[in-house]
């Protein structure tokens, strides 16, 4: 039974799940829109929104906390120089999930997760 268990397993081990979320967060910040399964998008949303919130305050501690999850330096700079300041005045809700329907091969529900436009 899954009593008091948080999050989706995504058919992965804990370390694989963490690596998947980190890679997807890096791609989302880099491209500002990615296409993935709906379950992965729903799991990614709170993960990346916490990183964007940290990106709004550009200090050493915030950079080190984000660096734990984002390995690519260029993406880290983009988060703190462009994305974080863009959403600084907004109290959450930085991402949007748009459902696309079933994938042709296996019927998995697909979705696009994207950053909302210009902090509005």
PDB file of N, CA and C in Angstrom:
ATOM      1  N   UNK A   1       0.832  -1.187   0.000  1.00  0.00           N
ATOM      2  CA  UNK A   1       0.000   0.000   0.000  1.00  0.00           C
ATOM      3  C   UNK A   1       0.875   1.249   0.000  1.00  0.00           C
ATOM      4  N   UNK A   2       0.370   2.290  -0.639  1.00  0.00           N
ATOM      5  CA  UNK A   2       1.168   3.495  -0.813  1.00  0.00           C
ATOM      6  C   UNK A   2       0.808   4.579   0.204  1.00  0.00           C
ATOM      7  N   UNK A   3       0.372   4.226   1.369  1.00  0.00           N
ATOM      8  CA  UNK A   3      -0.018   5.240   2.333  1.00  0.00           C
ATOM      9  C   UNK A   3       1.142   6.184   2.638  1.00  0.00           C
ATOM     10  N   UNK A   4       0.868   7.475   2.555  1.00  0.00           N
ATOM     11  CA  UNK A   4       1.818   8.545   2.872  1.00  0.00           C
ATOM     12  C   UNK A   4       3.055   8.533   1.968  1.00  0.00           C
ATOM     13  N   UNK A   5       2.917   7.994   0.772  1.00  0.00           N
ATOM     14  CA  UNK A   5       4.002   8.014  -0.202  1.00  0.00           C
ATOM     15  C   UNK A   5       3.736   9.155  -1.160  1.00  0.00           C
ATOM     16  N   UNK A   6       4.723   9.983  -1.377  1.00  0.00           N
ATOM     17  CA  UNK A   6       4.537  11.179  -2.184  1.00  0.00           C
ATOM     18  C   UNK A   6       5.185  11.007  -3.549  1.00  0.00           C
ATOM     19  N   UNK A   7       4.539  11.481  -4.583  1.00  0.00           N
ATOM     20  CA  UNK A   7       5.119  11.474  -5.915  1.00  0.00           C
ATOM     21  C   UNK A   7       4.845  10.190  -6.678  1.00  0.00           C
ATOM     22  N   UNK A   8       5.183  10.213  -7.946  1.00  0.00           N
ATOM     23  CA  UNK A   8       4.978   9.069  -8.824  1.00  0.00           C
ATOM     24  C   UNK A   8       6.278   8.287  -8.971  1.00  0.00           C
ATOM     25  N   UNK A   9       6.170   6.982  -9.133  1.00  0.00           N
ATOM     26  CA  UNK A   9       7.373   6.164  -9.300  1.00  0.00           C
ATOM     27  C   UNK A   9       7.938   6.266 -10.705  1.00  0.00           C
ATOM     28  N   UNK A  10       7.073   6.448 -11.689  1.00  0.00           N
ATOM     29  CA  UNK A  10       7.475   6.534 -13.092  1.00  0.00           C
ATOM     30  C   UNK A  10       8.243   5.292 -13.545  1.00  0.00           C
ATOM     31  N   UNK A  11       8.000   4.167 -12.908  1.00  0.00           N
ATOM     32  CA  UNK A  11       8.648   2.890 -13.245  1.00  0.00           C
ATOM     33  C   UNK A  11      10.167   2.986 -13.223  1.00  0.00           C
ATOM     34  N   UNK A  12      10.702   3.699 -12.243  1.00  0.00           N
ATOM     35  CA  UNK A  12      12.143   3.909 -12.133  1.00  0.00           C
ATOM     36  C   UNK A  12      12.583   3.745 -10.684  1.00  0.00           C
ATOM     37  N   UNK A  13      13.884   3.498 -10.510  1.00  0.00           N
ATOM     38  CA  UNK A  13      14.440   3.521  -9.162  1.00  0.00           C
ATOM     39  C   UNK A  13      14.530   4.976  -8.709  1.00  0.00           C
ATOM     40  N   UNK A  14      14.775   5.191  -7.447  1.00  0.00           N
ATOM     41  CA  UNK A  14      14.823   6.555  -6.920  1.00  0.00           C
ATOM     42  C   UNK A  14      15.924   7.377  -7.581  1.00  0.00           C
ATOM     43  N   UNK A  15      17.092   6.781  -7.777  1.00  0.00           N
ATOM     44  CA  UNK A  15      18.192   7.530  -8.384  1.00  0.00           C
ATOM     45  C   UNK A  15      17.909   7.841  -9.857  1.00  0.00           C
ATOM     46  N   UNK A  16      17.298   6.902 -10.561  1.00  0.00           N
ATOM     47  CA  UNK A  16      16.950   7.127 -11.969  1.00  0.00           C
ATOM     48  C   UNK A  16      15.868   8.203 -12.091  1.00  0.00           C
ATOM     49  N   UNK A  17      14.912   8.184 -11.171  1.00  0.00           N
ATOM     50  CA  UNK A  17      13.842   9.177 -11.157  1.00  0.00           C
ATOM     51  C   UNK A  17      14.412  10.572 -10.905  1.00  0.00           C
ATOM     52  N   UNK A  18      15.324  10.685  -9.963  1.00  0.00           N
ATOM     53  CA  UNK A  18      15.964  11.966  -9.672  1.00  0.00           C
ATOM     54  C   UNK A  18      16.748  12.465 -10.877  1.00  0.00           C
ATOM     55  N   UNK A  19      17.500  11.580 -11.518  1.00  0.00           N
ATOM     56  CA  UNK A  19      18.272  11.962 -12.699  1.00  0.00           C
ATOM     57  C   UNK A  19      17.347  12.407 -13.832  1.00  0.00           C
ATOM     58  N   UNK A  20      16.228  11.713 -14.001  1.00  0.00           N
ATOM     59  CA  UNK A  20      15.264  12.078 -15.041  1.00  0.00           C
ATOM     60  C   UNK A  20      14.705  13.472 -14.787  1.00  0.00           C
ATOM     61  N   UNK A  21      14.321  13.759 -13.547  1.00  0.00           N
ATOM     62  CA  UNK A  21      13.767  15.074 -13.221  1.00  0.00           C
ATOM     63  C   UNK A  21      14.809  16.175 -13.415  1.00  0.00           C
ATOM     64  N   UNK A  22      16.054  15.909 -13.037  1.00  0.00           N
ATOM     65  CA  UNK A  22      17.103  16.909 -13.216  1.00  0.00           C
ATOM     66  C   UNK A  22      17.351  17.191 -14.693  1.00  0.00           C
ATOM     67  N   UNK A  23      17.396  16.136 -15.513  1.00  0.00           N
ATOM     68  CA  UNK A  23      17.605  16.319 -16.944  1.00  0.00           C
ATOM     69  C   UNK A  23      16.439  17.054 -17.587  1.00  0.00           C
ATOM     70  N   UNK A  24      15.220  16.705 -17.192  1.00  0.00           N
ATOM     71  CA  UNK A  24      14.051  17.372 -17.762  1.00  0.00           C
ATOM     72  C   UNK A  24      13.986  18.830 -17.328  1.00  0.00           C
ATOM     73  N   UNK A  25      14.364  19.126 -16.086  1.00  0.00           N
ATOM     74  CA  UNK A  25      14.382  20.507 -15.623  1.00  0.00           C
ATOM     75  C   UNK A  25      15.417  21.322 -16.395  1.00  0.00           C
ATOM     76  N   UNK A  26      16.579  20.730 -16.640  1.00  0.00           N
ATOM     77  CA  UNK A  26      17.610  21.398 -17.427  1.00  0.00           C
ATOM     78  C   UNK A  26      17.094  21.703 -18.830  1.00  0.00           C
ATOM     79  N   UNK A  27      16.450  20.734 -19.462  1.00  0.00           N
ATOM     80  CA  UNK A  27      15.912  20.935 -20.805  1.00  0.00           C
ATOM     81  C   UNK A  27      14.806  21.980 -20.816  1.00  0.00           C
ATOM     82  N   UNK A  28      13.947  21.973 -19.803  1.00  0.00           N
ATOM     83  CA  UNK A  28      12.859  22.936 -19.751  1.00  0.00           C
ATOM     84  C   UNK A  28      13.387  24.358 -19.606  1.00  0.00           C
ATOM     85  N   UNK A  29      14.373  24.556 -18.760  1.00  0.00           N
ATOM     86  CA  UNK A  29      14.936  25.895 -18.588  1.00  0.00           C
ATOM     87  C   UNK A  29      15.676  26.327 -19.851  1.00  0.00           C
ATOM     88  N   UNK A  30      16.352  25.394 -20.481  1.00  0.00           N
ATOM     89  CA  UNK A  30      17.119  25.718 -21.690  1.00  0.00           C
ATOM     90  C   UNK A  30      16.203  26.062 -22.866  1.00  0.00           C
ATOM     91  N   UNK A  31      15.182  25.237 -23.111  1.00  0.00           N
ATOM     92  CA  UNK A  31      14.331  25.408 -24.297  1.00  0.00           C
ATOM     93  C   UNK A  31      13.010  26.117 -23.988  1.00  0.00           C
ATOM     94  N   UNK A  32      12.655  26.235 -22.715  1.00  0.00           N
ATOM     95  CA  UNK A  32      11.438  26.866 -22.213  1.00  0.00           C
ATOM     96  C   UNK A  32      10.163  26.140 -22.618  1.00  0.00           C
ATOM     97  N   UNK A  33      10.278  24.993 -23.287  1.00  0.00           N
ATOM     98  CA  UNK A  33       9.120  24.168 -23.642  1.00  0.00           C
ATOM     99  C   UNK A  33       9.626  22.779 -24.008  1.00  0.00           C
ATOM    100  N   UNK A  34       9.046  21.739 -23.389  1.00  0.00           N
ATOM    101  CA  UNK A  34       9.414  20.377 -23.760  1.00  0.00           C
ATOM    102  C   UNK A  34       8.147  19.537 -23.883  1.00  0.00           C
ATOM    103  N   UNK A  35       8.244  18.480 -24.680  1.00  0.00           N
ATOM    104  CA  UNK A  35       7.144  17.546 -24.896  1.00  0.00           C
ATOM    105  C   UNK A  35       7.499  16.247 -24.175  1.00  0.00           C
ATOM    106  N   UNK A  36       6.598  15.787 -23.317  1.00  0.00           N
ATOM    107  CA  UNK A  36       6.860  14.601 -22.518  1.00  0.00           C
ATOM    108  C   UNK A  36       5.534  13.946 -22.158  1.00  0.00           C
ATOM    109  N   UNK A  37       5.570  12.886 -21.369  1.00  0.00           N
ATOM    110  CA  UNK A  37       4.316  12.272 -20.938  1.00  0.00           C
ATOM    111  C   UNK A  37       3.668  13.147 -19.871  1.00  0.00           C
ATOM    112  N   UNK A  38       2.375  12.993 -19.738  1.00  0.00           N
ATOM    113  CA  UNK A  38       1.644  13.813 -18.779  1.00  0.00           C
ATOM    114  C   UNK A  38       2.095  13.542 -17.346  1.00  0.00           C
ATOM    115  N   UNK A  39       2.367  12.285 -17.011  1.00  0.00           N
ATOM    116  CA  UNK A  39       2.805  11.938 -15.653  1.00  0.00           C
ATOM    117  C   UNK A  39       4.152  12.590 -15.332  1.00  0.00           C
ATOM    118  N   UNK A  40       5.084  12.544 -16.299  1.00  0.00           N
ATOM    119  CA  UNK A  40       6.387  13.171 -16.074  1.00  0.00           C
ATOM    120  C   UNK A  40       6.248  14.680 -15.956  1.00  0.00           C
ATOM    121  N   UNK A  41       5.364  15.276 -16.758  1.00  0.00           N
ATOM    122  CA  UNK A  41       5.156  16.721 -16.694  1.00  0.00           C
ATOM    123  C   UNK A  41       4.590  17.128 -15.336  1.00  0.00           C
ATOM    124  N   UNK A  42       3.648  16.353 -14.834  1.00  0.00           N
ATOM    125  CA  UNK A  42       3.061  16.666 -13.530  1.00  0.00           C
ATOM    126  C   UNK A  42       4.072  16.506 -12.399  1.00  0.00           C
ATOM    127  N   UNK A  43       4.981  15.582 -12.561  1.00  0.00           N
ATOM    128  CA  UNK A  43       6.015  15.378 -11.548  1.00  0.00           C
ATOM    129  C   UNK A  43       7.097  16.453 -11.650  1.00  0.00           C
ATOM    130  N   UNK A  44       7.346  16.924 -12.859  1.00  0.00           N
ATOM    131  CA  UNK A  44       8.386  17.934 -13.084  1.00  0.00           C
ATOM    132  C   UNK A  44       7.970  19.312 -12.594  1.00  0.00           C
ATOM    133  N   UNK A  45       6.689  19.626 -12.679  1.00  0.00           N
ATOM    134  CA  UNK A  45       6.217  20.980 -12.367  1.00  0.00           C
ATOM    135  C   UNK A  45       6.679  21.495 -10.997  1.00  0.00           C
ATOM    136  N   UNK A  46       6.407  20.826  -9.870  1.00  0.00           N
ATOM    137  CA  UNK A  46       6.855  21.392  -8.591  1.00  0.00           C
ATOM    138  C   UNK A  46       8.375  21.432  -8.467  1.00  0.00           C
ATOM    139  N   UNK A  47       9.052  20.470  -9.090  1.00  0.00           N
ATOM    140  CA  UNK A  47      10.516  20.417  -9.038  1.00  0.00           C
ATOM    141  C   UNK A  47      11.120  21.658  -9.681  1.00  0.00           C
ATOM    142  N   UNK A  48      10.660  21.994 -10.886  1.00  0.00           N
ATOM    143  CA  UNK A  48      11.247  23.115 -11.616  1.00  0.00           C
ATOM    144  C   UNK A  48      10.765  24.459 -11.067  1.00  0.00           C
ATOM    145  N   UNK A  49       9.560  24.504 -10.516  1.00  0.00           N
ATOM    146  CA  UNK A  49       9.074  25.772  -9.970  1.00  0.00           C
ATOM    147  C   UNK A  49       9.882  26.182  -8.738  1.00  0.00           C
ATOM    148  N   UNK A  50      10.330  25.220  -7.957  1.00  0.00           N
ATOM    149  CA  UNK A  50      11.187  25.549  -6.818  1.00  0.00           C
ATOM    150  C   UNK A  50      12.522  26.108  -7.292  1.00  0.00           C
ATOM    151  N   UNK A  51      13.056  25.552  -8.386  1.00  0.00           N
ATOM    152  CA  UNK A  51      14.316  26.061  -8.937  1.00  0.00           C
ATOM    153  C   UNK A  51      14.150  27.478  -9.468  1.00  0.00           C
ATOM    154  N   UNK A  52      13.030  27.756 -10.127  1.00  0.00           N
ATOM    155  CA  UNK A  52      12.791  29.098 -10.666  1.00  0.00           C
ATOM    156  C   UNK A  52      12.632  30.097  -9.533  1.00  0.00           C
ATOM    157  N   UNK A  53      11.982  29.693  -8.448  1.00  0.00           N
ATOM    158  CA  UNK A  53      11.856  30.572  -7.285  1.00  0.00           C
ATOM    159  C   UNK A  53      13.231  30.923  -6.731  1.00  0.00           C
ATOM    160  N   UNK A  54      14.117  29.931  -6.655  1.00  0.00           N
ATOM    161  CA  UNK A  54      15.480  30.200  -6.198  1.00  0.00           C
ATOM    162  C   UNK A  54      16.219  31.088  -7.190  1.00  0.00           C
ATOM    163  N   UNK A  55      15.897  30.965  -8.484  1.00  0.00           N
ATOM    164  CA  UNK A  55      16.532  31.790  -9.506  1.00  0.00           C
ATOM    165  C   UNK A  55      16.179  33.256  -9.396  1.00  0.00           C
ATOM    166  N   UNK A  56      15.115  33.574  -8.658  1.00  0.00           N
ATOM    167  CA  UNK A  56      14.720  34.965  -8.479  1.00  0.00           C
ATOM    168  C   UNK A  56      15.612  35.735  -7.522  1.00  0.00           C
ATOM    169  N   UNK A  57      16.295  35.024  -6.635  1.00  0.00           N
ATOM    170  CA  UNK A  57      17.225  35.685  -5.715  1.00  0.00           C
ATOM    171  C   UNK A  57      18.636  35.257  -6.092  1.00  0.00           C
ATOM    172  N   UNK A  58      19.389  36.174  -6.630  1.00  0.00           N
ATOM    173  CA  UNK A  58      20.724  35.848  -7.140  1.00  0.00           C
ATOM    174  C   UNK A  58      21.771  36.059  -6.048  1.00  0.00           C
ATOM    175  N   UNK A  59      21.912  35.064  -5.186  1.00  0.00           N
ATOM    176  CA  UNK A  59      22.979  35.090  -4.197  1.00  0.00           C
ATOM    177  C   UNK A  59      23.703  33.742  -4.235  1.00  0.00           C
ATOM    178  N   UNK A  60      24.795  33.654  -3.528  1.00  0.00           N
ATOM    179  CA  UNK A  60      25.646  32.469  -3.589  1.00  0.00           C
ATOM    180  C   UNK A  60      24.897  31.231  -3.101  1.00  0.00           C
ATOM    181  N   UNK A  61      24.144  31.370  -2.032  1.00  0.00           N
ATOM    182  CA  UNK A  61      23.441  30.217  -1.478  1.00  0.00           C
ATOM    183  C   UNK A  61      22.409  29.668  -2.467  1.00  0.00           C
ATOM    184  N   UNK A  62      21.663  30.550  -3.114  1.00  0.00           N
ATOM    185  CA  UNK A  62      20.672  30.110  -4.101  1.00  0.00           C
ATOM    186  C   UNK A  62      21.352  29.424  -5.272  1.00  0.00           C
ATOM    187  N   UNK A  63      22.456  29.988  -5.737  1.00  0.00           N
ATOM    188  CA  UNK A  63      23.173  29.373  -6.853  1.00  0.00           C
ATOM    189  C   UNK A  63      23.679  27.981  -6.483  1.00  0.00           C
ATOM    190  N   UNK A  64      24.141  27.811  -5.268  1.00  0.00           N
ATOM    191  CA  UNK A  64      24.643  26.499  -4.851  1.00  0.00           C
ATOM    192  C   UNK A  64      23.506  25.498  -4.701  1.00  0.00           C
ATOM    193  N   UNK A  65      22.357  25.961  -4.223  1.00  0.00           N
ATOM    194  CA  UNK A  65      21.206  25.062  -4.086  1.00  0.00           C
ATOM    195  C   UNK A  65      20.702  24.601  -5.454  1.00  0.00           C
ATOM    196  N   UNK A  66      20.694  25.510  -6.422  1.00  0.00           N
ATOM    197  CA  UNK A  66      20.249  25.138  -7.771  1.00  0.00           C
ATOM    198  C   UNK A  66      21.303  24.270  -8.444  1.00  0.00           C
ATOM    199  N   UNK A  67      22.563  24.544  -8.176  1.00  0.00           N
ATOM    200  CA  UNK A  67      23.669  23.793  -8.799  1.00  0.00           C
ATOM    201  C   UNK A  67      23.622  22.310  -8.437  1.00  0.00           C
ATOM    202  N   UNK A  68      22.985  21.978  -7.318  1.00  0.00           N
ATOM    203  CA  UNK A  68      22.820  20.567  -6.942  1.00  0.00           C
ATOM    204  C   UNK A  68      22.011  19.807  -7.986  1.00  0.00           C
ATOM    205  N   UNK A  69      21.113  20.521  -8.665  1.00  0.00           N
ATOM    206  CA  UNK A  69      20.196  19.873  -9.596  1.00  0.00           C
ATOM    207  C   UNK A  69      20.498  20.186 -11.055  1.00  0.00           C
ATOM    208  N   UNK A  70      21.058  21.347 -11.338  1.00  0.00           N
ATOM    209  CA  UNK A  70      21.340  21.752 -12.720  1.00  0.00           C
ATOM    210  C   UNK A  70      22.850  21.693 -12.927  1.00  0.00           C
ATOM    211  N   UNK A  71      23.298  20.762 -13.757  1.00  0.00           N
ATOM    212  CA  UNK A  71      24.735  20.573 -13.957  1.00  0.00           C
ATOM    213  C   UNK A  71      25.297  21.487 -15.038  1.00  0.00           C
ATOM    214  N   UNK A  72      24.485  21.866 -16.013  1.00  0.00           N
ATOM    215  CA  UNK A  72      24.940  22.657 -17.144  1.00  0.00           C
ATOM    216  C   UNK A  72      25.095  24.129 -16.730  1.00  0.00           C
ATOM    217  N   UNK A  73      26.308  24.653 -16.837  1.00  0.00           N
ATOM    218  CA  UNK A  73      26.564  26.028 -16.402  1.00  0.00           C
ATOM    219  C   UNK A  73      25.812  27.057 -17.225  1.00  0.00           C
ATOM    220  N   UNK A  74      25.687  26.819 -18.530  1.00  0.00           N
ATOM    221  CA  UNK A  74      24.967  27.760 -19.397  1.00  0.00           C
ATOM    222  C   UNK A  74      23.501  27.859 -18.983  1.00  0.00           C
ATOM    223  N   UNK A  75      22.904  26.730 -18.641  1.00  0.00           N
ATOM    224  CA  UNK A  75      21.504  26.722 -18.201  1.00  0.00           C
ATOM    225  C   UNK A  75      21.384  27.394 -16.843  1.00  0.00           C
ATOM    226  N   UNK A  76      22.363  27.187 -15.979  1.00  0.00           N
ATOM    227  CA  UNK A  76      22.373  27.837 -14.672  1.00  0.00           C
ATOM    228  C   UNK A  76      22.413  29.356 -14.831  1.00  0.00           C
ATOM    229  N   UNK A  77      23.258  29.841 -15.727  1.00  0.00           N
ATOM    230  CA  UNK A  77      23.333  31.279 -15.982  1.00  0.00           C
ATOM    231  C   UNK A  77      22.029  31.799 -16.566  1.00  0.00           C
ATOM    232  N   UNK A  78      21.419  31.032 -17.463  1.00  0.00           N
ATOM    233  CA  UNK A  78      20.154  31.458 -18.046  1.00  0.00           C
ATOM    234  C   UNK A  78      19.083  31.556 -16.967  1.00  0.00           C
ATOM    235  N   UNK A  79      19.072  30.607 -16.043  1.00  0.00           N
ATOM    236  CA  UNK A  79      18.082  30.626 -14.965  1.00  0.00           C
ATOM    237  C   UNK A  79      18.228  31.886 -14.114  1.00  0.00           C
ATOM    238  N   UNK A  80      19.451  32.225 -13.746  1.00  0.00           N
ATOM    239  CA  UNK A  80      19.651  33.364 -12.856  1.00  0.00           C
ATOM    240  C   UNK A  80      19.671  34.709 -13.576  1.00  0.00           C
ATOM    241  N   UNK A  81      19.988  34.730 -14.862  1.00  0.00           N
ATOM    242  CA  UNK A  81      20.073  35.999 -15.593  1.00  0.00           C
ATOM    243  C   UNK A  81      18.788  36.349 -16.324  1.00  0.00           C
ATOM    244  N   UNK A  82      18.044  35.351 -16.819  1.00  0.00           N
ATOM    245  CA  UNK A  82      16.843  35.623 -17.615  1.00  0.00           C
ATOM    246  C   UNK A  82      15.567  35.130 -16.948  1.00  0.00           C
ATOM    247  N   UNK A  83      15.505  33.845 -16.656  1.00  0.00           N
ATOM    248  CA  UNK A  83      14.259  33.222 -16.217  1.00  0.00           C
ATOM    249  C   UNK A  83      13.868  33.676 -14.803  1.00  0.00           C
ATOM    250  N   UNK A  84      14.786  33.626 -13.859  1.00  0.00           N
ATOM    251  CA  UNK A  84      14.477  34.016 -12.482  1.00  0.00           C
ATOM    252  C   UNK A  84      13.988  35.445 -12.356  1.00  0.00           C
ATOM    253  N   UNK A  85      14.717  36.429 -12.915  1.00  0.00           N
ATOM    254  CA  UNK A  85      14.246  37.812 -12.832  1.00  0.00           C
ATOM    255  C   UNK A  85      12.910  38.042 -13.547  1.00  0.00           C
ATOM    256  N   UNK A  86      12.640  37.266 -14.597  1.00  0.00           N
ATOM    257  CA  UNK A  86      11.384  37.419 -15.343  1.00  0.00           C
ATOM    258  C   UNK A  86      10.186  37.089 -14.458  1.00  0.00           C
ATOM    259  N   UNK A  87      10.342  36.141 -13.530  1.00  0.00           N
ATOM    260  CA  UNK A  87       9.240  35.708 -12.682  1.00  0.00           C
ATOM    261  C   UNK A  87       9.365  36.208 -11.245  1.00  0.00           C
ATOM    262  N   UNK A  88      10.269  37.142 -10.987  1.00  0.00           N
ATOM    263  CA  UNK A  88      10.536  37.572  -9.615  1.00  0.00           C
ATOM    264  C   UNK A  88       9.280  38.092  -8.909  1.00  0.00           C
ATOM    265  N   UNK A  89       8.446  38.852  -9.604  1.00  0.00           N
ATOM    266  CA  UNK A  89       7.261  39.456  -8.980  1.00  0.00           C
ATOM    267  C   UNK A  89       6.068  38.501  -8.939  1.00  0.00           C
ATOM    268  N   UNK A  90       6.174  37.368  -9.602  1.00  0.00           N
ATOM    269  CA  UNK A  90       5.051  36.442  -9.683  1.00  0.00           C
ATOM    270  C   UNK A  90       5.108  35.421  -8.548  1.00  0.00           C
ATOM    271  N   UNK A  91       4.023  35.228  -7.802  1.00  0.00           N
ATOM    272  CA  UNK A  91       4.035  34.285  -6.674  1.00  0.00           C
ATOM    273  C   UNK A  91       3.704  32.857  -7.087  1.00  0.00           C
ATOM    274  N   UNK A  92       4.576  32.252  -7.879  1.00  0.00           N
ATOM    275  CA  UNK A  92       4.354  30.872  -8.300  1.00  0.00           C
ATOM    276  C   UNK A  92       3.608  30.791  -9.615  1.00  0.00           C
ATOM    277  N   UNK A  93       3.354  29.569 -10.069  1.00  0.00           N
ATOM    278  CA  UNK A  93       2.640  29.363 -11.322  1.00  0.00           C
ATOM    279  C   UNK A  93       3.477  29.735 -12.525  1.00  0.00           C
ATOM    280  N   UNK A  94       4.726  29.283 -12.563  1.00  0.00           N
ATOM    281  CA  UNK A  94       5.638  29.656 -13.641  1.00  0.00           C
ATOM    282  C   UNK A  94       5.516  28.741 -14.846  1.00  0.00           C
ATOM    283  N   UNK A  95       4.856  27.591 -14.679  1.00  0.00           N
ATOM    284  CA  UNK A  95       4.777  26.628 -15.767  1.00  0.00           C
ATOM    285  C   UNK A  95       3.326  26.358 -16.144  1.00  0.00           C
ATOM    286  N   UNK A  96       3.153  25.852 -17.351  1.00  0.00           N
ATOM    287  CA  UNK A  96       1.838  25.502 -17.875  1.00  0.00           C
ATOM    288  C   UNK A  96       1.954  24.122 -18.504  1.00  0.00           C
ATOM    289  N   UNK A  97       0.963  23.277 -18.251  1.00  0.00           N
ATOM    290  CA  UNK A  97       0.924  21.947 -18.863  1.00  0.00           C
ATOM    291  C   UNK A  97      -0.260  21.916 -19.830  1.00  0.00           C
ATOM    292  N   UNK A  98       0.033  21.609 -21.098  1.00  0.00           N
ATOM    293  CA  UNK A  98      -0.987  21.514 -22.132  1.00  0.00           C
ATOM    294  C   UNK A  98      -1.061  20.054 -22.575  1.00  0.00           C
ATOM    295  N   UNK A  99      -2.230  19.439 -22.442  1.00  0.00           N
ATOM    296  CA  UNK A  99      -2.399  18.035 -22.812  1.00  0.00           C
ATOM    297  C   UNK A  99      -2.497  17.906 -24.333  1.00  0.00           C
ATOM    298  N   UNK A 100      -1.861  16.861 -24.875  1.00  0.00           N
ATOM    299  CA  UNK A 100      -1.823  16.663 -26.321  1.00  0.00           C
ATOM    300  C   UNK A 100      -2.604  15.442 -26.791  1.00  0.00           C
ATOM    301  N   UNK A 101      -2.954  14.530 -25.909  1.00  0.00           N
ATOM    302  CA  UNK A 101      -3.630  13.303 -26.319  1.00  0.00           C
ATOM    303  C   UNK A 101      -2.681  12.126 -26.235  1.00  0.00           C
ATOM    304  N   UNK A 102      -3.124  10.998 -26.750  1.00  0.00           N
ATOM    305  CA  UNK A 102      -2.367   9.762 -26.612  1.00  0.00           C
ATOM    306  C   UNK A 102      -1.254   9.661 -27.656  1.00  0.00           C
ATOM    307  N   UNK A 103      -0.132   9.079 -27.237  1.00  0.00           N
ATOM    308  CA  UNK A 103       0.976   8.807 -28.148  1.00  0.00           C
ATOM    309  C   UNK A 103       0.601   7.618 -29.015  1.00  0.00           C
ATOM    310  N   UNK A 104       1.013   7.667 -30.267  1.00  0.00           N
ATOM    311  CA  UNK A 104       0.594   6.652 -31.218  1.00  0.00           C
ATOM    312  C   UNK A 104       1.139   5.259 -30.872  1.00  0.00           C
ATOM    313  N   UNK A 105       2.366   5.165 -30.443  1.00  0.00           N
ATOM    314  CA  UNK A 105       2.987   3.860 -30.220  1.00  0.00           C
ATOM    315  C   UNK A 105       2.409   3.071 -29.068  1.00  0.00           C
ATOM    316  N   UNK A 106       2.307   3.683 -27.891  1.00  0.00           N
ATOM    317  CA  UNK A 106       1.880   2.934 -26.712  1.00  0.00           C
ATOM    318  C   UNK A 106       0.657   3.521 -26.019  1.00  0.00           C
ATOM    319  N   UNK A 107       0.115   4.593 -26.541  1.00  0.00           N
ATOM    320  CA  UNK A 107      -1.095   5.168 -25.957  1.00  0.00           C
ATOM    321  C   UNK A 107      -0.854   6.015 -24.725  1.00  0.00           C
ATOM    322  N   UNK A 108       0.405   6.334 -24.439  1.00  0.00           N
ATOM    323  CA  UNK A 108       0.701   7.157 -23.265  1.00  0.00           C
ATOM    324  C   UNK A 108       0.175   8.580 -23.496  1.00  0.00           C
ATOM    325  N   UNK A 109      -0.425   9.160 -22.462  1.00  0.00           N
ATOM    326  CA  UNK A 109      -0.930  10.529 -22.564  1.00  0.00           C
ATOM    327  C   UNK A 109       0.252  11.492 -22.629  1.00  0.00           C
ATOM    328  N   UNK A 110       0.288  12.308 -23.659  1.00  0.00           N
ATOM    329  CA  UNK A 110       1.393  13.238 -23.872  1.00  0.00           C
ATOM    330  C   UNK A 110       0.980  14.651 -23.476  1.00  0.00           C
ATOM    331  N   UNK A 111       1.973  15.480 -23.171  1.00  0.00           N
ATOM    332  CA  UNK A 111       1.704  16.859 -22.772  1.00  0.00           C
ATOM    333  C   UNK A 111       2.931  17.713 -23.106  1.00  0.00           C
ATOM    334  N   UNK A 112       2.689  19.011 -23.211  1.00  0.00           N
ATOM    335  CA  UNK A 112       3.766  19.982 -23.329  1.00  0.00           C
ATOM    336  C   UNK A 112       3.810  20.734 -22.006  1.00  0.00           C
ATOM    337  N   UNK A 113       4.993  20.828 -21.425  1.00  0.00           N
ATOM    338  CA  UNK A 113       5.174  21.671 -20.243  1.00  0.00           C
ATOM    339  C   UNK A 113       6.039  22.832 -20.687  1.00  0.00           C
ATOM    340  N   UNK A 114       5.596  24.041 -20.376  1.00  0.00           N
ATOM    341  CA  UNK A 114       6.306  25.229 -20.848  1.00  0.00           C
ATOM    342  C   UNK A 114       6.296  26.291 -19.770  1.00  0.00           C
ATOM    343  N   UNK A 115       7.239  27.209 -19.877  1.00  0.00           N
ATOM    344  CA  UNK A 115       7.252  28.360 -18.988  1.00  0.00           C
ATOM    345  C   UNK A 115       6.211  29.352 -19.492  1.00  0.00           C
ATOM    346  N   UNK A 116       5.514  29.988 -18.580  1.00  0.00           N
ATOM    347  CA  UNK A 116       4.513  30.966 -18.997  1.00  0.00           C
ATOM    348  C   UNK A 116       5.223  32.169 -19.605  1.00  0.00           C
ATOM    349  N   UNK A 117       4.506  32.921 -20.393  1.00  0.00           N
ATOM    350  CA  UNK A 117       5.096  34.013 -21.152  1.00  0.00           C
ATOM    351  C   UNK A 117       5.438  35.224 -20.293  1.00  0.00           C
ATOM    352  N   UNK A 118       6.642  35.678 -20.394  1.00  0.00           N
ATOM    353  CA  UNK A 118       7.118  36.955 -19.852  1.00  0.00           C
ATOM    354  C   UNK A 118       6.647  37.255 -18.430  1.00  0.00           C
ATOM    355  N   UNK A 119       6.495  36.230 -17.622  1.00  0.00           N
ATOM    356  CA  UNK A 119       6.134  36.459 -16.225  1.00  0.00           C
ATOM    357  C   UNK A 119       4.699  36.888 -16.036  1.00  0.00           C
ATOM    358  N   UNK A 120       3.862  36.829 -17.068  1.00  0.00           N
ATOM    359  CA  UNK A 120       2.455  37.218 -16.953  1.00  0.00           C
ATOM    360  C   UNK A 120       1.578  36.021 -16.728  1.00  0.00           C
TER     361      UNK A 120
END
